[in-house]
Amino acid sequence: MILNRRLLLLAAAALISGCSNEPAPAKKAKLEHAPDVFRVKFETSKGDFVVQVTKAWAPRGTDRFFELVQSDFFTGARFFRAIRGFMVQFGISPDPKMSALWGTSRILDDPVTQSNLKGKITFATSGPAARTTQVFINLVDNVRLDKSGFAPFGEVVSGMEVVESLYTGYGDVYPRGNGPQPSLIQTQGNAYLEKDFPRLDYIKKASIL
C-alpha cells in the first residue's frame, strides 16, 4: 500500500514537471512604478544605445515604458518605421499574442514639458489618450510635434550614432511609404517582417541598468 502511494506521488511529480516545460502564455509584468530617473540599455542588430528616462518629464509615459521593459516586450521588435531626417519608431511586439494583449491598454496623456529635440524618445499617439506601446526617437529637432501632444519622457545619452545608423531604406509605413503595414505586424508578427522587410534592424534585448 505504501509502495503504491509512493508510485502515485512520483507519477504526479513527473506530470507537473512535464507541464512546466510548456511555453508560458503572453502576459504583462506586474506594474511597479518607475524610479524618478533610470536608464535602459538597448542591444540591437547595429550595436547598443542607452536611454535615460526622467519621470518628471512625463510620469504616465514613464511608468508604461518601465512596465514594457520589465515585461520583456521589446525583445525581437523591429524598428519598423525609420525615416531619415525625421525619426525611428518601434514598439510592436514580434508576438501577435503580446500585441493583442497590450493593444487596447491605453494610457492617459501627459503634458508636454520637453521639446522633441534630437535624441529625445516619445510615445507615438493618434489622438487623446491613445498611447499604448509604440515609441519613437527623434533623429533631428522635431519641435513642431510639441503642439500635437507628443510628450518626450527620456533621451538617448549614449550610442546616438547607432540610432542614426538603423536601416531607413524602406521609408515611411504603408501607404505613405514603402514600409510595412503596422496592422499586419500586429496580427502576423515578425513572420511578416522577415518575409517582406528583411533588412529592418531589430532589438536583441532591452534591460534596466
N, C-alpha and C. Protein backbone atom coordinates (compact mmCIF):
# COMPACT_ATOMS: atom_id res chain seq x y z
N MET A 1 0.84 -1.21 0.00
CA MET A 1 0.00 0.00 0.00
C MET A 1 0.87 1.26 0.00
N ILE A 2 1.91 1.22 0.89
CA ILE A 2 2.82 2.37 0.95
C ILE A 2 3.57 2.53 -0.36
N LEU A 3 3.99 1.40 -0.95
CA LEU A 3 4.71 1.44 -2.22
C LEU A 3 3.84 2.03 -3.32
N ASN A 4 2.59 1.63 -3.38
CA ASN A 4 1.66 2.15 -4.40
C ASN A 4 1.47 3.66 -4.24
N ARG A 5 1.39 4.08 -2.98
CA ARG A 5 1.20 5.52 -2.73
C ARG A 5 2.42 6.31 -3.20
N ARG A 6 3.61 5.76 -2.95
CA ARG A 6 4.84 6.44 -3.40
C ARG A 6 4.90 6.52 -4.92
N LEU A 7 4.48 5.45 -5.59
CA LEU A 7 4.48 5.46 -7.05
C LEU A 7 3.52 6.51 -7.60
N LEU A 8 2.37 6.64 -6.93
CA LEU A 8 1.41 7.66 -7.37
C LEU A 8 1.99 9.06 -7.20
N LEU A 9 2.67 9.30 -6.08
CA LEU A 9 3.28 10.61 -5.84
C LEU A 9 4.35 10.92 -6.87
N LEU A 10 5.18 9.93 -7.19
CA LEU A 10 6.22 10.13 -8.20
C LEU A 10 5.64 10.42 -9.57
N ALA A 11 4.56 9.72 -9.91
CA ALA A 11 3.90 9.96 -11.20
C ALA A 11 3.33 11.36 -11.27
N ALA A 12 2.73 11.81 -10.16
CA ALA A 12 2.17 13.16 -10.13
C ALA A 12 3.26 14.20 -10.27
N ALA A 13 4.40 13.99 -9.61
CA ALA A 13 5.52 14.94 -9.70
C ALA A 13 6.05 15.01 -11.11
N ALA A 14 6.15 13.85 -11.79
CA ALA A 14 6.63 13.83 -13.17
C ALA A 14 5.68 14.58 -14.08
N LEU A 15 4.38 14.45 -13.83
CA LEU A 15 3.40 15.13 -14.66
C LEU A 15 3.50 16.63 -14.51
N ILE A 16 3.66 17.10 -13.26
CA ILE A 16 3.80 18.54 -13.00
C ILE A 16 5.07 19.06 -13.65
N SER A 17 6.16 18.31 -13.51
CA SER A 17 7.44 18.72 -14.10
C SER A 17 7.33 18.83 -15.61
N GLY A 18 6.62 17.90 -16.25
CA GLY A 18 6.45 17.93 -17.69
C GLY A 18 5.65 19.12 -18.14
N CYS A 19 4.61 19.48 -17.38
CA CYS A 19 3.77 20.62 -17.73
C CYS A 19 4.54 21.93 -17.63
N SER A 20 5.53 21.99 -16.73
CA SER A 20 6.25 23.24 -16.52
C SER A 20 7.10 23.61 -17.72
N ASN A 21 7.35 22.69 -18.65
CA ASN A 21 8.17 22.97 -19.82
C ASN A 21 7.38 23.59 -20.96
N GLU A 22 6.07 23.68 -20.81
CA GLU A 22 5.25 24.28 -21.87
C GLU A 22 5.49 25.77 -21.93
N PRO A 23 5.42 26.39 -23.15
CA PRO A 23 5.65 27.82 -23.27
C PRO A 23 4.65 28.60 -22.43
N ALA A 24 5.15 29.62 -21.74
CA ALA A 24 4.28 30.46 -20.92
C ALA A 24 3.44 31.35 -21.81
N PRO A 25 2.18 31.57 -21.45
CA PRO A 25 1.33 32.45 -22.26
C PRO A 25 1.79 33.89 -22.16
N ALA A 26 1.46 34.69 -23.16
CA ALA A 26 1.82 36.10 -23.15
C ALA A 26 1.17 36.77 -21.95
N LYS A 27 1.95 37.53 -21.21
CA LYS A 27 1.40 38.22 -20.05
C LYS A 27 2.21 39.47 -19.75
N LYS A 28 1.60 40.37 -18.99
CA LYS A 28 2.28 41.59 -18.58
C LYS A 28 2.97 41.37 -17.25
N ALA A 29 4.06 42.07 -17.05
CA ALA A 29 4.68 42.05 -15.74
C ALA A 29 3.83 42.88 -14.79
N LYS A 30 3.89 42.54 -13.52
CA LYS A 30 3.18 43.33 -12.52
C LYS A 30 3.76 44.73 -12.50
N LEU A 31 2.90 45.73 -12.62
CA LEU A 31 3.38 47.11 -12.72
C LEU A 31 3.99 47.57 -11.41
N GLU A 32 5.23 48.01 -11.48
CA GLU A 32 5.87 48.70 -10.37
C GLU A 32 6.16 50.10 -10.87
N HIS A 33 5.81 51.09 -10.08
CA HIS A 33 6.03 52.46 -10.53
C HIS A 33 7.51 52.69 -10.78
N ALA A 34 7.78 53.37 -11.85
CA ALA A 34 9.16 53.59 -12.27
C ALA A 34 9.91 54.50 -11.30
N PRO A 35 11.23 54.32 -11.22
CA PRO A 35 12.05 55.26 -10.43
C PRO A 35 11.99 56.65 -11.04
N ASP A 36 12.44 57.63 -10.28
CA ASP A 36 12.41 59.01 -10.78
C ASP A 36 13.31 59.18 -12.00
N VAL A 37 14.44 58.49 -11.99
CA VAL A 37 15.37 58.51 -13.12
C VAL A 37 15.95 57.09 -13.26
N PHE A 38 15.97 56.58 -14.47
CA PHE A 38 16.59 55.28 -14.71
C PHE A 38 17.08 55.21 -16.15
N ARG A 39 17.92 54.22 -16.41
CA ARG A 39 18.47 54.04 -17.76
C ARG A 39 18.12 52.66 -18.31
N VAL A 40 17.90 52.61 -19.61
CA VAL A 40 17.60 51.36 -20.30
C VAL A 40 18.63 51.16 -21.41
N LYS A 41 19.25 50.00 -21.41
CA LYS A 41 20.20 49.66 -22.47
C LYS A 41 19.49 48.85 -23.53
N PHE A 42 19.59 49.30 -24.77
CA PHE A 42 19.04 48.59 -25.92
C PHE A 42 20.19 47.94 -26.69
N GLU A 43 20.16 46.63 -26.78
CA GLU A 43 21.12 45.89 -27.59
C GLU A 43 20.44 45.60 -28.92
N THR A 44 20.99 46.10 -30.02
CA THR A 44 20.33 45.99 -31.31
C THR A 44 21.23 45.31 -32.34
N SER A 45 20.66 45.08 -33.50
CA SER A 45 21.41 44.47 -34.60
C SER A 45 22.50 45.38 -35.13
N LYS A 46 22.50 46.66 -34.76
CA LYS A 46 23.53 47.60 -35.19
C LYS A 46 24.47 48.03 -34.07
N GLY A 47 24.22 47.55 -32.86
CA GLY A 47 25.01 47.98 -31.72
C GLY A 47 24.11 48.40 -30.57
N ASP A 48 24.71 48.97 -29.54
CA ASP A 48 23.97 49.32 -28.33
C ASP A 48 23.77 50.83 -28.21
N PHE A 49 22.64 51.18 -27.59
CA PHE A 49 22.44 52.57 -27.18
C PHE A 49 21.71 52.58 -25.84
N VAL A 50 21.84 53.69 -25.12
CA VAL A 50 21.26 53.81 -23.79
C VAL A 50 20.34 55.02 -23.73
N VAL A 51 19.16 54.79 -23.16
CA VAL A 51 18.17 55.85 -22.96
C VAL A 51 18.07 56.17 -21.48
N GLN A 52 18.12 57.43 -21.14
CA GLN A 52 17.87 57.85 -19.75
C GLN A 52 16.46 58.42 -19.68
N VAL A 53 15.67 57.90 -18.75
CA VAL A 53 14.27 58.30 -18.59
C VAL A 53 14.14 59.17 -17.35
N THR A 54 13.41 60.26 -17.47
CA THR A 54 13.17 61.18 -16.35
C THR A 54 11.67 61.26 -16.11
N LYS A 55 11.24 60.71 -15.00
CA LYS A 55 9.81 60.57 -14.74
C LYS A 55 9.08 61.91 -14.69
N ALA A 56 9.73 62.94 -14.20
CA ALA A 56 9.08 64.26 -14.09
C ALA A 56 8.69 64.81 -15.45
N TRP A 57 9.36 64.36 -16.52
CA TRP A 57 9.03 64.86 -17.85
C TRP A 57 7.65 64.39 -18.30
N ALA A 58 7.33 63.12 -18.02
CA ALA A 58 6.05 62.53 -18.48
C ALA A 58 5.78 61.30 -17.61
N PRO A 59 5.16 61.48 -16.44
CA PRO A 59 5.01 60.38 -15.48
C PRO A 59 4.25 59.16 -16.00
N ARG A 60 3.16 59.37 -16.71
CA ARG A 60 2.38 58.23 -17.19
C ARG A 60 3.15 57.45 -18.27
N GLY A 61 3.76 58.19 -19.18
CA GLY A 61 4.56 57.55 -20.22
C GLY A 61 5.74 56.80 -19.63
N THR A 62 6.36 57.37 -18.60
CA THR A 62 7.50 56.72 -17.95
C THR A 62 7.09 55.40 -17.31
N ASP A 63 5.97 55.40 -16.59
CA ASP A 63 5.51 54.17 -15.95
C ASP A 63 5.20 53.09 -16.99
N ARG A 64 4.58 53.47 -18.11
CA ARG A 64 4.28 52.49 -19.14
C ARG A 64 5.56 51.93 -19.77
N PHE A 65 6.51 52.81 -20.06
CA PHE A 65 7.78 52.37 -20.66
C PHE A 65 8.51 51.41 -19.73
N PHE A 66 8.54 51.74 -18.44
CA PHE A 66 9.17 50.89 -17.45
C PHE A 66 8.50 49.52 -17.41
N GLU A 67 7.18 49.51 -17.46
CA GLU A 67 6.41 48.26 -17.45
C GLU A 67 6.72 47.42 -18.69
N LEU A 68 6.82 48.07 -19.85
CA LEU A 68 7.12 47.34 -21.09
C LEU A 68 8.51 46.70 -21.03
N VAL A 69 9.49 47.44 -20.54
CA VAL A 69 10.84 46.88 -20.44
C VAL A 69 10.85 45.72 -19.46
N GLN A 70 10.17 45.88 -18.31
CA GLN A 70 10.13 44.82 -17.32
C GLN A 70 9.41 43.57 -17.84
N SER A 71 8.49 43.76 -18.78
CA SER A 71 7.75 42.64 -19.37
C SER A 71 8.49 41.99 -20.52
N ASP A 72 9.70 42.51 -20.85
CA ASP A 72 10.48 41.98 -21.96
C ASP A 72 9.75 42.18 -23.29
N PHE A 73 8.94 43.22 -23.35
CA PHE A 73 8.09 43.45 -24.52
C PHE A 73 8.89 43.74 -25.78
N PHE A 74 10.02 44.45 -25.65
CA PHE A 74 10.73 44.93 -26.82
C PHE A 74 11.67 43.91 -27.46
N THR A 75 11.92 42.79 -26.80
CA THR A 75 12.85 41.80 -27.36
C THR A 75 12.36 41.30 -28.71
N GLY A 76 13.21 41.43 -29.73
CA GLY A 76 12.86 40.98 -31.07
C GLY A 76 12.09 41.99 -31.89
N ALA A 77 11.68 43.10 -31.28
CA ALA A 77 10.89 44.09 -32.01
C ALA A 77 11.73 44.80 -33.07
N ARG A 78 11.12 45.05 -34.22
CA ARG A 78 11.80 45.73 -35.32
C ARG A 78 11.62 47.25 -35.22
N PHE A 79 12.60 47.98 -35.75
CA PHE A 79 12.45 49.41 -35.96
C PHE A 79 11.69 49.56 -37.28
N PHE A 80 10.37 49.41 -37.19
CA PHE A 80 9.54 49.23 -38.39
C PHE A 80 9.26 50.51 -39.16
N ARG A 81 9.44 51.64 -38.52
CA ARG A 81 9.23 52.93 -39.21
C ARG A 81 10.46 53.79 -38.97
N ALA A 82 11.32 53.86 -39.96
CA ALA A 82 12.58 54.58 -39.82
C ALA A 82 12.74 55.52 -41.00
N ILE A 83 12.65 56.81 -40.72
CA ILE A 83 12.64 57.83 -41.77
C ILE A 83 13.83 58.75 -41.58
N ARG A 84 14.72 58.73 -42.55
CA ARG A 84 15.91 59.57 -42.49
C ARG A 84 15.51 61.04 -42.36
N GLY A 85 16.16 61.75 -41.45
CA GLY A 85 15.87 63.16 -41.25
C GLY A 85 14.60 63.41 -40.45
N PHE A 86 14.07 62.36 -39.81
CA PHE A 86 12.85 62.54 -39.02
C PHE A 86 12.93 61.75 -37.71
N MET A 87 12.68 60.43 -37.77
CA MET A 87 12.68 59.64 -36.55
C MET A 87 12.72 58.15 -36.87
N VAL A 88 12.94 57.33 -35.80
CA VAL A 88 12.83 55.88 -35.91
C VAL A 88 11.82 55.42 -34.85
N GLN A 89 10.92 54.53 -35.27
CA GLN A 89 9.82 54.11 -34.40
C GLN A 89 9.84 52.60 -34.20
N PHE A 90 9.50 52.19 -32.98
CA PHE A 90 9.41 50.77 -32.66
C PHE A 90 8.37 50.60 -31.55
N GLY A 91 8.10 49.32 -31.19
CA GLY A 91 7.15 49.11 -30.10
C GLY A 91 5.95 48.27 -30.48
N ILE A 92 6.06 47.49 -31.58
CA ILE A 92 5.06 46.47 -31.88
C ILE A 92 5.73 45.13 -31.62
N SER A 93 5.10 44.32 -30.79
CA SER A 93 5.71 43.05 -30.39
C SER A 93 5.86 42.10 -31.58
N PRO A 94 6.94 41.30 -31.59
CA PRO A 94 7.08 40.28 -32.62
C PRO A 94 6.08 39.13 -32.44
N ASP A 95 5.41 39.10 -31.30
CA ASP A 95 4.44 38.06 -30.98
C ASP A 95 3.03 38.62 -31.07
N PRO A 96 2.21 38.17 -32.03
CA PRO A 96 0.84 38.69 -32.16
C PRO A 96 0.02 38.57 -30.88
N LYS A 97 0.25 37.54 -30.08
CA LYS A 97 -0.49 37.38 -28.83
C LYS A 97 -0.16 38.52 -27.87
N MET A 98 1.11 38.91 -27.84
CA MET A 98 1.52 40.00 -26.98
C MET A 98 0.94 41.33 -27.48
N SER A 99 0.92 41.51 -28.80
CA SER A 99 0.34 42.73 -29.36
C SER A 99 -1.14 42.83 -29.01
N ALA A 100 -1.85 41.71 -29.09
CA ALA A 100 -3.27 41.70 -28.77
C ALA A 100 -3.50 42.02 -27.29
N LEU A 101 -2.61 41.52 -26.45
CA LEU A 101 -2.73 41.74 -25.01
C LEU A 101 -2.59 43.21 -24.64
N TRP A 102 -1.64 43.88 -25.30
CA TRP A 102 -1.36 45.27 -24.97
C TRP A 102 -2.12 46.27 -25.84
N GLY A 103 -2.67 45.83 -26.95
CA GLY A 103 -3.20 46.75 -27.94
C GLY A 103 -4.31 47.67 -27.46
N THR A 104 -5.09 47.22 -26.51
CA THR A 104 -6.20 48.04 -26.01
C THR A 104 -5.88 48.69 -24.66
N SER A 105 -4.65 48.53 -24.20
CA SER A 105 -4.25 49.07 -22.90
C SER A 105 -3.68 50.47 -23.08
N ARG A 106 -4.57 51.43 -23.18
CA ARG A 106 -4.16 52.81 -23.43
C ARG A 106 -3.87 53.55 -22.13
N ILE A 107 -3.05 54.59 -22.24
CA ILE A 107 -2.75 55.41 -21.06
C ILE A 107 -3.16 56.85 -21.33
N LEU A 108 -3.46 57.56 -20.25
CA LEU A 108 -3.86 58.95 -20.36
C LEU A 108 -2.66 59.79 -20.80
N ASP A 109 -2.95 60.95 -21.33
CA ASP A 109 -1.90 61.83 -21.85
C ASP A 109 -1.08 62.47 -20.72
N ASP A 110 0.14 62.83 -21.06
CA ASP A 110 0.99 63.65 -20.21
C ASP A 110 1.09 65.04 -20.82
N PRO A 111 1.23 66.07 -20.01
CA PRO A 111 1.52 67.38 -20.59
C PRO A 111 2.90 67.37 -21.24
N VAL A 112 3.07 68.15 -22.29
CA VAL A 112 4.35 68.22 -22.99
C VAL A 112 5.24 69.22 -22.24
N THR A 113 6.22 68.69 -21.53
CA THR A 113 7.12 69.56 -20.75
C THR A 113 8.50 69.69 -21.39
N GLN A 114 8.80 68.81 -22.36
CA GLN A 114 10.08 68.83 -23.06
C GLN A 114 9.83 68.89 -24.55
N SER A 115 10.74 69.49 -25.26
CA SER A 115 10.60 69.58 -26.71
C SER A 115 11.16 68.32 -27.38
N ASN A 116 10.61 67.98 -28.54
CA ASN A 116 11.06 66.81 -29.31
C ASN A 116 12.34 67.14 -30.08
N LEU A 117 13.41 67.28 -29.32
CA LEU A 117 14.71 67.56 -29.91
C LEU A 117 15.41 66.26 -30.28
N LYS A 118 16.47 66.36 -31.06
CA LYS A 118 17.22 65.19 -31.48
C LYS A 118 17.61 64.35 -30.27
N GLY A 119 17.35 63.04 -30.36
CA GLY A 119 17.71 62.12 -29.29
C GLY A 119 16.63 61.89 -28.26
N LYS A 120 15.59 62.71 -28.24
CA LYS A 120 14.50 62.52 -27.28
C LYS A 120 13.62 61.35 -27.72
N ILE A 121 13.13 60.58 -26.75
CA ILE A 121 12.26 59.44 -27.01
C ILE A 121 10.86 59.76 -26.51
N THR A 122 9.86 59.41 -27.32
CA THR A 122 8.49 59.87 -27.12
C THR A 122 7.51 58.77 -27.51
N PHE A 123 6.37 58.67 -26.81
CA PHE A 123 5.33 57.74 -27.24
C PHE A 123 4.61 58.27 -28.46
N ALA A 124 4.36 57.37 -29.42
CA ALA A 124 3.54 57.73 -30.57
C ALA A 124 2.09 57.80 -30.11
N THR A 125 1.31 58.66 -30.73
CA THR A 125 -0.11 58.79 -30.39
C THR A 125 -0.89 59.24 -31.60
N SER A 126 -2.14 58.82 -31.66
CA SER A 126 -3.01 59.22 -32.78
C SER A 126 -4.13 60.13 -32.31
N GLY A 127 -4.06 60.59 -31.07
CA GLY A 127 -5.11 61.46 -30.53
C GLY A 127 -5.12 61.37 -29.02
N PRO A 128 -6.10 61.99 -28.37
CA PRO A 128 -6.16 61.98 -26.91
C PRO A 128 -6.25 60.57 -26.34
N ALA A 129 -5.47 60.32 -25.30
CA ALA A 129 -5.48 59.05 -24.57
C ALA A 129 -5.35 57.83 -25.49
N ALA A 130 -4.45 57.92 -26.48
CA ALA A 130 -4.30 56.84 -27.47
C ALA A 130 -2.96 56.12 -27.38
N ARG A 131 -2.12 56.47 -26.41
CA ARG A 131 -0.79 55.87 -26.33
C ARG A 131 -0.89 54.44 -25.79
N THR A 132 -0.11 53.53 -26.40
CA THR A 132 -0.10 52.14 -25.94
C THR A 132 1.33 51.65 -25.75
N THR A 133 2.00 51.24 -26.85
CA THR A 133 3.33 50.63 -26.74
C THR A 133 4.36 51.20 -27.71
N GLN A 134 3.93 51.94 -28.70
CA GLN A 134 4.86 52.40 -29.73
C GLN A 134 5.55 53.70 -29.31
N VAL A 135 6.85 53.73 -29.51
CA VAL A 135 7.65 54.90 -29.18
C VAL A 135 8.54 55.25 -30.37
N PHE A 136 9.05 56.47 -30.38
CA PHE A 136 9.99 56.86 -31.44
C PHE A 136 11.10 57.71 -30.85
N ILE A 137 12.24 57.69 -31.55
CA ILE A 137 13.38 58.51 -31.19
C ILE A 137 13.58 59.54 -32.29
N ASN A 138 13.63 60.80 -31.91
CA ASN A 138 13.82 61.88 -32.87
C ASN A 138 15.25 61.87 -33.42
N LEU A 139 15.36 61.85 -34.75
CA LEU A 139 16.67 61.89 -35.39
C LEU A 139 17.14 63.32 -35.62
N VAL A 140 16.21 64.27 -35.55
CA VAL A 140 16.52 65.69 -35.70
C VAL A 140 15.61 66.43 -34.71
N ASP A 141 15.75 67.75 -34.66
CA ASP A 141 14.85 68.55 -33.82
C ASP A 141 13.48 68.62 -34.49
N ASN A 142 12.48 68.00 -33.85
CA ASN A 142 11.11 67.98 -34.38
C ASN A 142 10.18 68.79 -33.48
N VAL A 143 10.52 70.06 -33.31
CA VAL A 143 9.79 70.93 -32.39
C VAL A 143 8.32 71.04 -32.76
N ARG A 144 7.99 70.89 -34.03
CA ARG A 144 6.60 71.01 -34.48
C ARG A 144 5.69 69.97 -33.86
N LEU A 145 6.29 68.86 -33.36
CA LEU A 145 5.48 67.80 -32.76
C LEU A 145 4.98 68.17 -31.36
N ASP A 146 5.61 69.17 -30.75
CA ASP A 146 5.27 69.51 -29.38
C ASP A 146 3.80 69.94 -29.24
N LYS A 147 3.33 70.73 -30.16
CA LYS A 147 1.96 71.25 -30.07
C LYS A 147 0.90 70.19 -30.35
N SER A 148 1.33 69.00 -30.83
CA SER A 148 0.37 67.93 -31.13
C SER A 148 0.27 66.90 -30.01
N GLY A 149 0.87 67.20 -28.86
CA GLY A 149 0.73 66.33 -27.70
C GLY A 149 1.76 65.23 -27.55
N PHE A 150 2.83 65.27 -28.34
CA PHE A 150 3.89 64.26 -28.23
C PHE A 150 4.82 64.65 -27.08
N ALA A 151 4.77 63.89 -26.00
CA ALA A 151 5.47 64.25 -24.77
C ALA A 151 6.71 63.37 -24.55
N PRO A 152 7.90 63.90 -24.79
CA PRO A 152 9.12 63.11 -24.53
C PRO A 152 9.23 62.72 -23.06
N PHE A 153 9.74 61.51 -22.82
CA PHE A 153 9.93 61.03 -21.44
C PHE A 153 11.37 60.65 -21.16
N GLY A 154 12.24 60.74 -22.17
CA GLY A 154 13.64 60.41 -21.98
C GLY A 154 14.47 60.84 -23.16
N GLU A 155 15.74 60.48 -23.12
CA GLU A 155 16.64 60.85 -24.21
C GLU A 155 17.78 59.86 -24.31
N VAL A 156 18.32 59.73 -25.50
CA VAL A 156 19.49 58.87 -25.73
C VAL A 156 20.71 59.57 -25.16
N VAL A 157 21.40 58.90 -24.24
CA VAL A 157 22.57 59.50 -23.60
C VAL A 157 23.88 58.88 -24.09
N SER A 158 23.79 57.73 -24.77
CA SER A 158 24.98 57.17 -25.42
C SER A 158 24.52 56.27 -26.57
N GLY A 159 25.33 56.23 -27.62
CA GLY A 159 25.02 55.39 -28.77
C GLY A 159 24.08 56.04 -29.77
N MET A 160 24.00 57.36 -29.78
CA MET A 160 23.13 58.01 -30.76
C MET A 160 23.57 57.69 -32.18
N GLU A 161 24.85 57.43 -32.36
CA GLU A 161 25.33 57.08 -33.70
C GLU A 161 24.76 55.73 -34.15
N VAL A 162 24.46 54.85 -33.19
CA VAL A 162 23.81 53.58 -33.51
C VAL A 162 22.38 53.83 -33.98
N VAL A 163 21.67 54.68 -33.25
CA VAL A 163 20.29 55.02 -33.64
C VAL A 163 20.27 55.61 -35.04
N GLU A 164 21.23 56.48 -35.34
CA GLU A 164 21.28 57.12 -36.65
C GLU A 164 21.65 56.15 -37.77
N SER A 165 22.24 55.01 -37.41
CA SER A 165 22.66 54.04 -38.43
C SER A 165 21.58 52.98 -38.71
N LEU A 166 20.47 52.99 -37.98
CA LEU A 166 19.42 52.00 -38.20
C LEU A 166 18.87 52.12 -39.62
N TYR A 167 18.49 51.00 -40.19
CA TYR A 167 18.11 50.96 -41.60
C TYR A 167 16.87 51.80 -41.88
N THR A 168 17.00 52.72 -42.85
CA THR A 168 15.89 53.62 -43.21
C THR A 168 15.45 53.43 -44.66
N GLY A 169 15.95 52.39 -45.32
CA GLY A 169 15.71 52.21 -46.75
C GLY A 169 14.26 52.04 -47.16
N TYR A 170 13.42 51.52 -46.27
CA TYR A 170 12.02 51.33 -46.63
C TYR A 170 11.19 52.60 -46.46
N GLY A 171 11.71 53.55 -45.72
CA GLY A 171 10.99 54.80 -45.53
C GLY A 171 9.78 54.65 -44.63
N ASP A 172 8.78 55.49 -44.87
CA ASP A 172 7.59 55.52 -44.03
C ASP A 172 6.77 54.25 -44.21
N VAL A 173 5.85 54.03 -43.27
CA VAL A 173 4.98 52.85 -43.36
C VAL A 173 3.95 53.03 -44.48
N TYR A 174 3.41 51.91 -44.93
CA TYR A 174 2.36 51.90 -45.95
C TYR A 174 1.11 52.58 -45.39
N PRO A 175 0.41 53.42 -46.19
CA PRO A 175 0.61 53.70 -47.61
C PRO A 175 1.43 54.96 -47.88
N ARG A 176 1.99 55.58 -46.83
CA ARG A 176 2.76 56.81 -47.03
C ARG A 176 4.14 56.54 -47.62
N GLY A 177 4.60 55.29 -47.47
CA GLY A 177 5.91 54.92 -47.99
C GLY A 177 5.95 53.46 -48.36
N ASN A 178 7.15 52.94 -48.51
CA ASN A 178 7.33 51.54 -48.92
C ASN A 178 7.53 50.60 -47.74
N GLY A 179 7.30 51.10 -46.52
CA GLY A 179 7.48 50.28 -45.33
C GLY A 179 6.30 49.36 -45.06
N PRO A 180 6.38 48.62 -43.96
CA PRO A 180 5.34 47.64 -43.63
C PRO A 180 4.04 48.29 -43.16
N GLN A 181 2.99 47.48 -43.12
CA GLN A 181 1.71 47.90 -42.57
C GLN A 181 1.68 47.54 -41.09
N PRO A 182 1.57 48.51 -40.20
CA PRO A 182 1.55 48.20 -38.76
C PRO A 182 0.49 47.18 -38.37
N SER A 183 -0.67 47.23 -39.02
CA SER A 183 -1.74 46.29 -38.67
C SER A 183 -1.33 44.84 -38.95
N LEU A 184 -0.53 44.64 -39.99
CA LEU A 184 -0.07 43.29 -40.32
C LEU A 184 1.03 42.82 -39.37
N ILE A 185 1.84 43.76 -38.89
CA ILE A 185 2.83 43.40 -37.87
C ILE A 185 2.11 42.92 -36.62
N GLN A 186 1.03 43.61 -36.25
CA GLN A 186 0.30 43.26 -35.05
C GLN A 186 -0.37 41.89 -35.15
N THR A 187 -0.82 41.52 -36.34
CA THR A 187 -1.54 40.25 -36.48
C THR A 187 -0.64 39.10 -36.90
N GLN A 188 0.49 39.40 -37.57
CA GLN A 188 1.37 38.34 -38.06
C GLN A 188 2.75 38.32 -37.41
N GLY A 189 3.09 39.38 -36.72
CA GLY A 189 4.36 39.43 -36.02
C GLY A 189 5.56 39.47 -36.95
N ASN A 190 6.69 38.98 -36.46
CA ASN A 190 7.93 39.05 -37.22
C ASN A 190 7.94 38.16 -38.45
N ALA A 191 7.04 37.19 -38.52
CA ALA A 191 6.98 36.34 -39.71
C ALA A 191 6.72 37.19 -40.95
N TYR A 192 5.86 38.16 -40.81
CA TYR A 192 5.54 39.09 -41.91
C TYR A 192 6.75 39.96 -42.26
N LEU A 193 7.42 40.50 -41.23
CA LEU A 193 8.55 41.39 -41.48
C LEU A 193 9.75 40.65 -42.04
N GLU A 194 10.03 39.47 -41.54
CA GLU A 194 11.17 38.70 -42.03
C GLU A 194 11.00 38.30 -43.49
N LYS A 195 9.76 38.10 -43.89
CA LYS A 195 9.49 37.72 -45.28
C LYS A 195 9.57 38.91 -46.23
N ASP A 196 8.92 40.00 -45.87
CA ASP A 196 8.78 41.13 -46.79
C ASP A 196 9.70 42.31 -46.52
N PHE A 197 10.24 42.40 -45.29
CA PHE A 197 11.09 43.54 -44.94
C PHE A 197 12.31 43.05 -44.14
N PRO A 198 13.11 42.20 -44.76
CA PRO A 198 14.20 41.52 -44.04
C PRO A 198 15.33 42.43 -43.59
N ARG A 199 15.42 43.63 -44.14
CA ARG A 199 16.55 44.49 -43.80
C ARG A 199 16.30 45.38 -42.58
N LEU A 200 15.12 45.32 -42.02
CA LEU A 200 14.84 46.12 -40.83
C LEU A 200 15.75 45.71 -39.68
N ASP A 201 16.30 46.70 -38.98
CA ASP A 201 17.08 46.41 -37.78
C ASP A 201 16.13 46.09 -36.63
N TYR A 202 16.68 45.47 -35.57
CA TYR A 202 15.82 44.98 -34.51
C TYR A 202 16.51 45.04 -33.15
N ILE A 203 15.71 44.89 -32.10
CA ILE A 203 16.19 44.91 -30.73
C ILE A 203 16.45 43.48 -30.27
N LYS A 204 17.67 43.22 -29.84
CA LYS A 204 18.01 41.93 -29.27
C LYS A 204 17.55 41.82 -27.83
N LYS A 205 17.72 42.92 -27.09
CA LYS A 205 17.34 42.93 -25.69
C LYS A 205 17.27 44.35 -25.18
N ALA A 206 16.33 44.61 -24.28
CA ALA A 206 16.23 45.90 -23.59
C ALA A 206 16.21 45.61 -22.10
N SER A 207 17.07 46.26 -21.35
CA SER A 207 17.17 45.96 -19.93
C SER A 207 17.45 47.21 -19.10
N ILE A 208 16.91 47.22 -17.88
CA ILE A 208 17.14 48.31 -16.95
C ILE A 208 18.57 48.22 -16.42
N LEU A 209 19.28 49.32 -16.46
CA LEU A 209 20.64 49.34 -15.94
C LEU A 209 20.64 49.66 -14.44
